[in-house]
Amino acid sequence: MKHSLSPTFSAQKAYPFLSAETKMAPRGRPIRPRGASFWTSGTCALAAFILAGCASTPTPPPPTTVVSDLVAPANPPQLDPALLQLPPDPFTLGPGDKMEIEFMGDLTSRTSVEVGPDGKIYFYLLPGIDVWGLTLPEAKDLIAEKSEMFMRKKPAVAITLREVGSKRIWILGRLNNPGVFQMSGPTTLLDAVAEAGGPTPAIETNGPGSPTAATVDLQRSFVLRHGQLLPVDFQRLILEGDLSQNIYLQPGDFVYLSSALAQTVHVLGAVSVPGAVTSGKDLTLIQTIASAGGTIKDAYLSHVAIVRGSLTQPTISIVDYQAIVKGTASDVFLEPHDIVYVPYTPYRTLTRYMDLILLTFVQTVGVNEGAHIINRNSVPIGASVQVNPIIQ
């Protein structure tokens, strides 16, 4: 459920230290305050020391502030028009597919067969015939050719596909009937969502007659293919009926409709326990990272990222977490659904940094949701991915 189309963002110049043209400054060492030695010589000496210390202590910054310097990519990724076209490859057989085979004119030969785990089928007097990867016409010709050894002339063979068991797609999240579904033919994204029962309806927040709240967060819903995020805008597709977002799915695709009810912040990267943190009122960056077990030894604290907004049009802010911990910069408030990423190394290109964060996020969600549908008792995992500095 993944593919090789990796959406990229254009370079941003709002942060010169992350532009492609500017080399990162080396990681600075923490500044340690010098120790103060003194001796006690009566009350006056002690008072003088205390007053001197107060006079030299800088005014601390406000305890918290809001994230106000969020930057959006200049050119958000666009869907490849090829994703909206019918898949060019014809249907091919694989393990789990069920067929009905017969020799034309001989009803007694009609047999139901299933492609085995080894890709073989067993029909008539024939030994196992490997049909894995063959189209239906190719499989029919192969069966006729093999059967000629036991008959006076080459027979006419009829094959009918009864059930597809080899082509699966994952449709999970806030749907009425989520699960793993078989693809019996060309399937669009809307087809798949409908097959999974459609998005769950809005709920009344305080009982009958009260205002309703959406249960699906379309801004953070996504499609994964071959490990890559496809830039599908679910809000445009489902709310606005924009069919330019209605891509054709491929076997192995992972579709996820995010929950609007989950009040969480995801913490990823160089922290002890990456994953989701419940976001209460006035949740700050320090509290969030502490809930994730704190940063690890190799974390690069000067370039902690806060990503906010939809997956197709995200915004990002770079925060000096080291300065916040030292008390020389203000802590910041977070919002539900924010993504906090603590890097291992400085980054030269903001576009690649954003791409890495979003991909890490969707892969983490995909792994956890996929494991949960297989085993309800699975333990959620986070993603801690170390990537070398990016050079352009």
Protein backbone atom coordinates (compact mmCIF):
# COMPACT_ATOMS: atom_id res chain seq x y z
CA MET A 1 0.00 0.00 0.00
CA LYS A 2 2.42 2.53 -1.06
CA HIS A 3 4.11 4.02 -4.17
CA SER A 4 7.01 5.97 -5.52
CA LEU A 5 5.30 9.30 -6.15
CA SER A 6 6.79 11.46 -3.39
CA PRO A 7 5.15 14.91 -3.11
CA THR A 8 7.70 17.71 -2.73
CA PHE A 9 7.37 21.29 -1.64
CA SER A 10 9.12 24.34 -3.07
CA ALA A 11 11.92 25.86 -1.01
CA GLN A 12 10.98 28.49 1.57
CA LYS A 13 13.07 31.51 2.37
CA ALA A 14 11.24 32.55 5.51
CA TYR A 15 13.97 30.74 7.45
CA PRO A 16 17.32 31.51 5.78
CA PHE A 17 19.08 28.89 7.89
CA LEU A 18 16.89 26.23 6.22
CA SER A 19 17.22 27.44 2.64
CA ALA A 20 19.10 25.43 0.05
CA GLU A 21 21.70 28.16 -0.40
CA THR A 22 22.63 28.68 3.22
CA LYS A 23 24.86 26.27 5.12
CA MET A 24 23.75 25.32 8.60
CA ALA A 25 25.70 26.75 11.48
CA PRO A 26 27.42 24.06 13.59
CA ARG A 27 25.61 22.87 16.66
CA GLY A 28 26.48 25.11 19.56
CA ARG A 29 27.41 23.90 22.98
CA PRO A 30 25.17 24.68 25.92
CA ILE A 31 26.29 27.77 27.81
CA ARG A 32 26.83 26.91 31.42
CA PRO A 33 26.51 29.72 33.98
CA ARG A 34 29.65 30.35 35.92
CA GLY A 35 29.60 29.31 39.51
CA ALA A 36 29.59 32.09 42.12
CA SER A 37 31.71 31.74 45.22
CA PHE A 38 31.26 33.88 48.26
CA TRP A 39 31.70 33.84 51.99
CA THR A 40 29.36 34.90 54.68
CA SER A 41 30.44 37.98 56.57
CA GLY A 42 27.47 39.06 58.53
CA THR A 43 24.04 40.13 57.44
CA CYS A 44 25.23 43.03 55.30
CA ALA A 45 27.49 40.87 53.17
CA LEU A 46 24.69 38.35 52.59
CA ALA A 47 22.24 41.12 51.68
CA ALA A 48 24.75 42.65 49.29
CA PHE A 49 25.22 39.31 47.56
CA ILE A 50 21.48 38.74 47.16
CA LEU A 51 20.92 42.23 45.78
CA ALA A 52 23.80 41.86 43.35
CA GLY A 53 22.42 38.54 42.14
CA CYS A 54 18.96 40.00 41.61
CA ALA A 55 20.38 42.95 39.70
CA SER A 56 22.30 40.65 37.30
CA THR A 57 19.45 38.18 36.62
CA PRO A 58 17.73 38.91 33.27
CA THR A 59 13.97 39.27 33.19
CA PRO A 60 12.54 35.85 32.29
CA PRO A 61 10.37 35.60 29.15
CA PRO A 62 6.62 35.08 29.40
CA PRO A 63 5.81 31.50 30.38
CA THR A 64 3.93 30.66 27.19
CA THR A 65 3.00 32.11 23.85
CA VAL A 66 1.17 31.05 20.72
CA VAL A 67 2.83 29.81 17.55
CA SER A 68 2.56 32.82 15.26
CA ASP A 69 5.28 32.29 12.65
CA LEU A 70 3.78 29.33 10.78
CA VAL A 71 4.87 29.19 7.14
CA ALA A 72 2.96 27.47 4.32
CA PRO A 73 4.70 25.95 1.27
CA ALA A 74 4.49 28.24 -1.75
CA ASN A 75 3.51 25.43 -4.11
CA PRO A 76 1.58 22.62 -2.44
CA PRO A 77 1.93 19.22 -4.15
CA GLN A 78 -0.49 18.37 -6.93
CA LEU A 79 -1.92 15.02 -7.95
CA ASP A 80 -0.33 13.33 -10.91
CA PRO A 81 -3.05 13.27 -13.63
CA ALA A 82 -2.09 9.64 -14.33
CA LEU A 83 -3.62 8.68 -10.97
CA LEU A 84 -7.04 9.63 -12.33
CA GLN A 85 -6.78 7.27 -15.30
CA LEU A 86 -7.84 3.63 -15.44
CA PRO A 87 -4.92 1.40 -14.45
CA PRO A 88 -3.24 0.26 -17.70
CA ASP A 89 -2.32 -3.15 -16.35
CA PRO A 90 -4.94 -5.88 -16.88
CA PHE A 91 -6.12 -8.05 -14.02
CA THR A 92 -3.68 -10.81 -13.15
CA LEU A 93 -4.27 -13.90 -11.05
CA GLY A 94 -2.77 -14.42 -7.61
CA PRO A 95 -3.15 -16.54 -4.46
CA GLY A 96 -6.71 -16.55 -3.16
CA ASP A 97 -8.44 -15.92 -6.49
CA LYS A 98 -11.30 -18.34 -7.20
CA MET A 99 -12.33 -19.45 -10.70
CA GLU A 100 -14.66 -21.82 -12.48
CA ILE A 101 -13.03 -23.81 -15.31
CA GLU A 102 -14.60 -26.16 -17.85
CA PHE A 103 -14.03 -27.67 -21.25
CA MET A 104 -16.49 -26.16 -23.68
CA GLY A 105 -19.29 -28.64 -24.42
CA ASP A 106 -18.52 -30.88 -21.42
CA LEU A 107 -20.53 -29.79 -18.41
CA THR A 108 -19.13 -32.64 -16.33
CA SER A 109 -15.71 -31.00 -16.49
CA ARG A 110 -16.87 -27.82 -14.74
CA THR A 111 -14.69 -27.38 -11.64
CA SER A 112 -14.22 -24.65 -9.06
CA VAL A 113 -10.57 -23.98 -8.31
CA GLU A 114 -8.62 -21.58 -6.12
CA VAL A 115 -5.14 -20.27 -6.76
CA GLY A 116 -3.00 -21.70 -3.98
CA PRO A 117 -0.34 -19.92 -1.92
CA ASP A 118 2.23 -21.20 -4.42
CA GLY A 119 0.30 -19.67 -7.33
CA LYS A 120 -0.82 -23.03 -8.75
CA ILE A 121 -4.23 -24.46 -9.65
CA TYR A 122 -5.28 -28.11 -10.05
CA PHE A 123 -7.79 -29.03 -12.76
CA TYR A 124 -8.78 -32.26 -14.53
CA LEU A 125 -5.79 -34.63 -14.83
CA LEU A 126 -3.29 -31.84 -14.90
CA PRO A 127 -0.51 -31.43 -12.36
CA GLY A 128 -0.21 -28.07 -10.65
CA ILE A 129 -0.26 -25.25 -13.20
CA ASP A 130 1.39 -21.99 -12.17
CA VAL A 131 -0.97 -19.13 -13.06
CA TRP A 132 0.37 -16.49 -10.67
CA GLY A 133 0.71 -13.22 -12.59
CA LEU A 134 -1.17 -14.46 -15.67
CA THR A 135 -4.20 -12.74 -17.14
CA LEU A 136 -7.37 -14.80 -17.59
CA PRO A 137 -6.77 -15.29 -21.37
CA GLU A 138 -3.18 -16.35 -20.67
CA ALA A 139 -4.33 -18.82 -18.02
CA LYS A 140 -6.98 -20.22 -20.40
CA ASP A 141 -4.42 -20.79 -23.17
CA LEU A 142 -2.01 -22.46 -20.73
CA ILE A 143 -4.69 -24.86 -19.46
CA ALA A 144 -5.69 -25.76 -23.03
CA GLU A 145 -2.07 -26.37 -23.97
CA LYS A 146 -1.41 -28.63 -20.97
CA SER A 147 -4.70 -30.51 -21.44
CA GLU A 148 -3.85 -31.44 -25.03
CA MET A 149 -1.46 -34.07 -23.68
CA PHE A 150 -4.46 -36.05 -22.33
CA MET A 151 -6.92 -35.45 -25.18
CA ARG A 152 -7.09 -36.14 -28.92
CA LYS A 153 -7.06 -32.46 -29.80
CA LYS A 154 -6.56 -29.16 -28.06
CA PRO A 155 -9.75 -28.39 -26.12
CA ALA A 156 -11.60 -25.11 -25.89
CA VAL A 157 -11.42 -23.88 -22.30
CA ALA A 158 -13.74 -21.46 -20.51
CA ILE A 159 -12.67 -19.61 -17.35
CA THR A 160 -14.94 -17.50 -15.16
CA LEU A 161 -13.52 -15.44 -12.30
CA ARG A 162 -15.80 -15.96 -9.31
CA GLU A 163 -13.95 -14.23 -6.45
CA VAL A 164 -10.87 -12.05 -6.13
CA GLY A 165 -8.72 -12.87 -3.13
CA SER A 166 -5.34 -11.56 -4.21
CA LYS A 167 -6.05 -7.83 -4.60
CA ARG A 168 -6.61 -6.14 -1.23
CA ILE A 169 -6.96 -2.53 -0.18
CA TRP A 170 -7.05 -1.18 3.38
CA ILE A 171 -9.91 1.24 4.16
CA LEU A 172 -9.64 2.23 7.83
CA GLY A 173 -10.49 5.02 10.24
CA ARG A 174 -13.77 6.84 10.83
CA LEU A 175 -15.95 4.72 8.53
CA ASN A 176 -19.12 2.76 9.22
CA ASN A 177 -17.57 -0.52 8.08
CA PRO A 178 -13.77 -0.21 7.99
CA GLY A 179 -11.63 -3.15 7.04
CA VAL A 180 -9.57 -4.88 4.36
CA PHE A 181 -11.45 -5.27 1.07
CA GLN A 182 -10.90 -7.27 -2.11
CA MET A 183 -10.65 -5.46 -5.43
CA SER A 184 -12.71 -7.22 -8.07
CA GLY A 185 -12.02 -4.58 -10.71
CA PRO A 186 -11.05 -0.94 -11.20
CA THR A 187 -11.84 0.91 -7.96
CA THR A 188 -11.83 4.64 -7.33
CA LEU A 189 -11.27 6.26 -3.94
CA LEU A 190 -14.97 7.14 -3.66
CA ASP A 191 -15.89 3.54 -4.57
CA ALA A 192 -13.70 2.29 -1.73
CA VAL A 193 -15.08 4.75 0.82
CA ALA A 194 -18.62 3.75 -0.16
CA GLU A 195 -17.77 0.05 0.13
CA ALA A 196 -16.56 0.71 3.68
CA GLY A 197 -19.95 2.21 4.58
CA GLY A 198 -19.03 5.84 4.07
CA PRO A 199 -17.74 8.28 6.70
CA THR A 200 -19.30 8.08 10.14
CA PRO A 201 -22.03 10.69 10.64
CA ALA A 202 -21.77 13.79 12.78
CA ILE A 203 -22.75 13.39 16.42
CA GLU A 204 -24.80 15.58 18.74
CA THR A 205 -22.41 16.97 21.30
CA ASN A 206 -24.85 17.29 24.22
CA GLY A 207 -27.69 14.93 23.50
CA PRO A 208 -30.68 15.14 21.11
CA GLY A 209 -31.25 18.54 19.58
CA SER A 210 -27.82 19.88 20.51
CA PRO A 211 -25.29 21.13 17.93
CA THR A 212 -23.55 18.43 15.92
CA ALA A 213 -19.83 17.89 15.54
CA ALA A 214 -18.05 16.16 12.67
CA THR A 215 -16.43 12.83 13.50
CA VAL A 216 -14.09 12.75 10.49
CA ASP A 217 -11.10 15.03 10.10
CA LEU A 218 -10.85 15.22 6.31
CA GLN A 219 -7.87 17.58 6.46
CA ARG A 220 -5.72 14.86 8.00
CA SER A 221 -7.10 11.88 6.06
CA PHE A 222 -4.70 10.33 3.57
CA VAL A 223 -3.81 7.64 1.04
CA LEU A 224 -0.53 5.71 1.30
CA ARG A 225 0.89 3.83 -1.68
CA HIS A 226 4.16 1.90 -1.55
CA GLY A 227 5.15 3.85 1.56
CA GLN A 228 4.55 7.27 0.01
CA LEU A 229 1.87 9.87 0.71
CA LEU A 230 -0.42 10.73 -2.20
CA PRO A 231 -1.55 14.40 -2.09
CA VAL A 232 -5.30 13.69 -2.13
CA ASP A 233 -7.47 16.46 -0.72
CA PHE A 234 -10.31 14.60 1.01
CA GLN A 235 -12.11 17.81 1.90
CA ARG A 236 -12.38 18.79 -1.75
CA LEU A 237 -13.37 15.26 -2.75
CA ILE A 238 -16.02 14.45 -0.14
CA LEU A 239 -17.40 17.85 0.87
CA GLU A 240 -17.11 19.68 -2.44
CA GLY A 241 -17.54 16.74 -4.82
CA ASP A 242 -14.31 17.60 -6.66
CA LEU A 243 -13.68 14.52 -8.82
CA SER A 244 -10.19 15.72 -9.68
CA GLN A 245 -9.24 14.11 -6.34
CA ASN A 246 -11.01 10.79 -7.07
CA ILE A 247 -7.98 8.66 -7.91
CA TYR A 248 -8.00 5.01 -8.93
CA LEU A 249 -6.69 2.75 -6.20
CA GLN A 250 -4.16 -0.03 -6.61
CA PRO A 251 -3.78 -3.31 -4.71
CA GLY A 252 -2.08 -2.66 -1.38
CA ASP A 253 -3.21 0.97 -1.07
CA PHE A 254 -3.93 2.22 2.45
CA VAL A 255 -6.79 4.71 2.87
CA TYR A 256 -7.32 6.33 6.27
CA LEU A 257 -10.06 8.72 7.39
CA SER A 258 -8.76 10.48 10.48
CA SER A 259 -10.85 11.07 13.60
CA ALA A 260 -11.91 14.59 14.48
CA LEU A 261 -12.73 13.43 18.02
CA ALA A 262 -9.19 12.41 18.99
CA GLN A 263 -7.69 15.37 20.85
CA THR A 264 -4.06 14.38 20.45
CA VAL A 265 -0.70 15.78 19.43
CA HIS A 266 1.76 13.49 17.66
CA VAL A 267 5.39 13.64 18.82
CA LEU A 268 7.89 12.04 16.43
CA GLY A 269 11.61 11.81 15.87
CA ALA A 270 14.32 11.97 18.51
CA VAL A 271 12.22 11.39 21.63
CA SER A 272 12.17 8.40 23.97
CA VAL A 273 8.59 7.31 23.27
CA PRO A 274 7.33 8.65 19.90
CA GLY A 275 3.57 8.59 19.46
CA ALA A 276 0.33 10.36 20.28
CA VAL A 277 -0.02 12.52 23.39
CA THR A 278 -3.44 13.51 24.71
CA SER A 279 -3.84 17.26 24.38
CA GLY A 280 -5.60 18.97 27.26
CA LYS A 281 -6.24 22.64 27.78
CA ASP A 282 -3.19 24.89 27.44
CA LEU A 283 -0.85 22.05 26.42
CA THR A 284 2.65 23.39 25.83
CA LEU A 285 5.64 22.14 23.87
CA ILE A 286 7.63 21.28 27.00
CA GLN A 287 4.72 19.30 28.45
CA THR A 288 4.22 17.42 25.19
CA ILE A 289 7.85 16.38 24.76
CA ALA A 290 8.01 15.41 28.45
CA SER A 291 4.95 13.18 27.92
CA ALA A 292 6.87 11.47 25.10
CA GLY A 293 9.68 10.60 27.51
CA GLY A 294 11.80 13.63 26.72
CA THR A 295 14.41 14.04 24.02
CA ILE A 296 17.21 11.52 23.47
CA LYS A 297 20.94 12.10 23.39
CA ASP A 298 21.32 12.80 19.67
CA ALA A 299 18.39 15.20 19.36
CA TYR A 300 19.07 18.51 17.63
CA LEU A 301 16.99 20.80 19.83
CA SER A 302 17.42 24.07 17.93
CA HIS A 303 15.24 22.99 15.00
CA VAL A 304 12.17 21.39 16.56
CA ALA A 305 9.27 21.63 14.11
CA ILE A 306 5.58 22.20 14.77
CA VAL A 307 3.39 21.25 11.81
CA ARG A 308 -0.22 22.41 11.74
CA GLY A 309 -3.10 22.31 9.27
CA SER A 310 -4.11 19.86 6.56
CA LEU A 311 -1.77 17.27 5.08
CA THR A 312 -2.16 18.78 1.62
CA GLN A 313 -1.62 22.39 2.74
CA PRO A 314 0.41 22.19 5.96
CA THR A 315 2.15 25.02 7.76
CA ILE A 316 5.35 24.71 9.78
CA SER A 317 7.14 26.65 12.50
CA ILE A 318 10.72 26.04 13.62
CA VAL A 319 11.24 26.42 17.38
CA ASP A 320 14.47 26.60 19.37
CA TYR A 321 13.54 24.08 22.04
CA GLN A 322 16.96 24.35 23.64
CA ALA A 323 16.36 28.05 24.35
CA ILE A 324 12.92 27.26 25.78
CA VAL A 325 14.39 24.68 28.17
CA LYS A 326 17.07 27.16 29.28
CA GLY A 327 14.42 29.80 29.95
CA THR A 328 15.74 32.29 27.37
CA ALA A 329 12.73 31.79 25.10
CA SER A 330 9.03 31.32 25.78
CA ASP A 331 7.32 27.95 25.76
CA VAL A 332 4.55 27.68 23.17
CA PHE A 333 0.97 26.47 23.24
CA LEU A 334 0.01 23.56 20.99
CA GLU A 335 -3.32 22.71 19.38
CA PRO A 336 -5.03 19.34 18.91
CA HIS A 337 -3.74 17.47 15.84
CA ASP A 338 -0.41 19.32 15.79
CA ILE A 339 2.65 17.31 14.82
CA VAL A 340 5.84 17.92 16.81
CA TYR A 341 9.05 16.63 15.24
CA VAL A 342 12.39 16.59 17.04
CA PRO A 343 15.19 16.11 14.49
CA TYR A 344 18.50 14.34 14.87
CA THR A 345 20.39 16.76 12.67
CA PRO A 346 19.99 20.29 11.32
CA TYR A 347 18.27 20.64 7.98
CA ARG A 348 19.21 22.83 5.06
CA THR A 349 15.96 22.58 3.12
CA LEU A 350 12.61 23.34 4.66
CA THR A 351 10.74 21.54 1.87
CA ARG A 352 12.50 18.23 2.52
CA TYR A 353 12.07 18.69 6.25
CA MET A 354 8.30 19.09 5.84
CA ASP A 355 8.16 16.08 3.52
CA LEU A 356 10.03 13.92 6.05
CA ILE A 357 7.73 14.94 8.92
CA LEU A 358 4.49 14.25 7.03
CA LEU A 359 5.73 10.92 5.71
CA THR A 360 6.85 9.83 9.19
CA PHE A 361 3.44 10.80 10.56
CA VAL A 362 1.30 8.94 8.00
CA GLN A 363 3.49 5.84 8.13
CA THR A 364 3.21 5.76 11.93
CA VAL A 365 -0.58 6.04 11.75
CA GLY A 366 -0.72 3.43 8.99
CA VAL A 367 1.32 0.87 10.89
CA ASN A 368 -0.71 1.30 14.08
CA GLU A 369 -4.12 1.21 12.39
CA GLY A 370 -3.15 -1.74 10.23
CA ALA A 371 -1.88 -3.68 13.24
CA HIS A 372 -5.04 -2.87 15.16
CA ILE A 373 -7.35 -4.22 12.45
CA ILE A 374 -5.39 -7.50 12.51
CA ASN A 375 -4.98 -7.72 16.28
CA ARG A 376 -7.21 -5.62 18.52
CA ASN A 377 -4.72 -6.04 21.37
CA SER A 378 -1.74 -4.70 19.45
CA VAL A 379 0.39 -2.13 21.26
CA PRO A 380 0.67 1.25 19.46
CA ILE A 381 4.15 2.12 18.30
CA GLY A 382 5.82 5.37 17.35
CA ALA A 383 8.33 6.18 14.69
CA SER A 384 11.84 7.33 15.45
CA VAL A 385 13.59 7.77 12.12
CA GLN A 386 17.11 9.13 11.85
CA VAL A 387 17.85 10.79 8.53
CA ASN A 388 21.17 12.25 7.46
CA PRO A 389 21.40 15.99 6.77
CA ILE A 390 19.93 16.90 3.39
CA ILE A 391 22.10 18.58 0.82
CA GLN A 392 20.77 20.25 -2.31
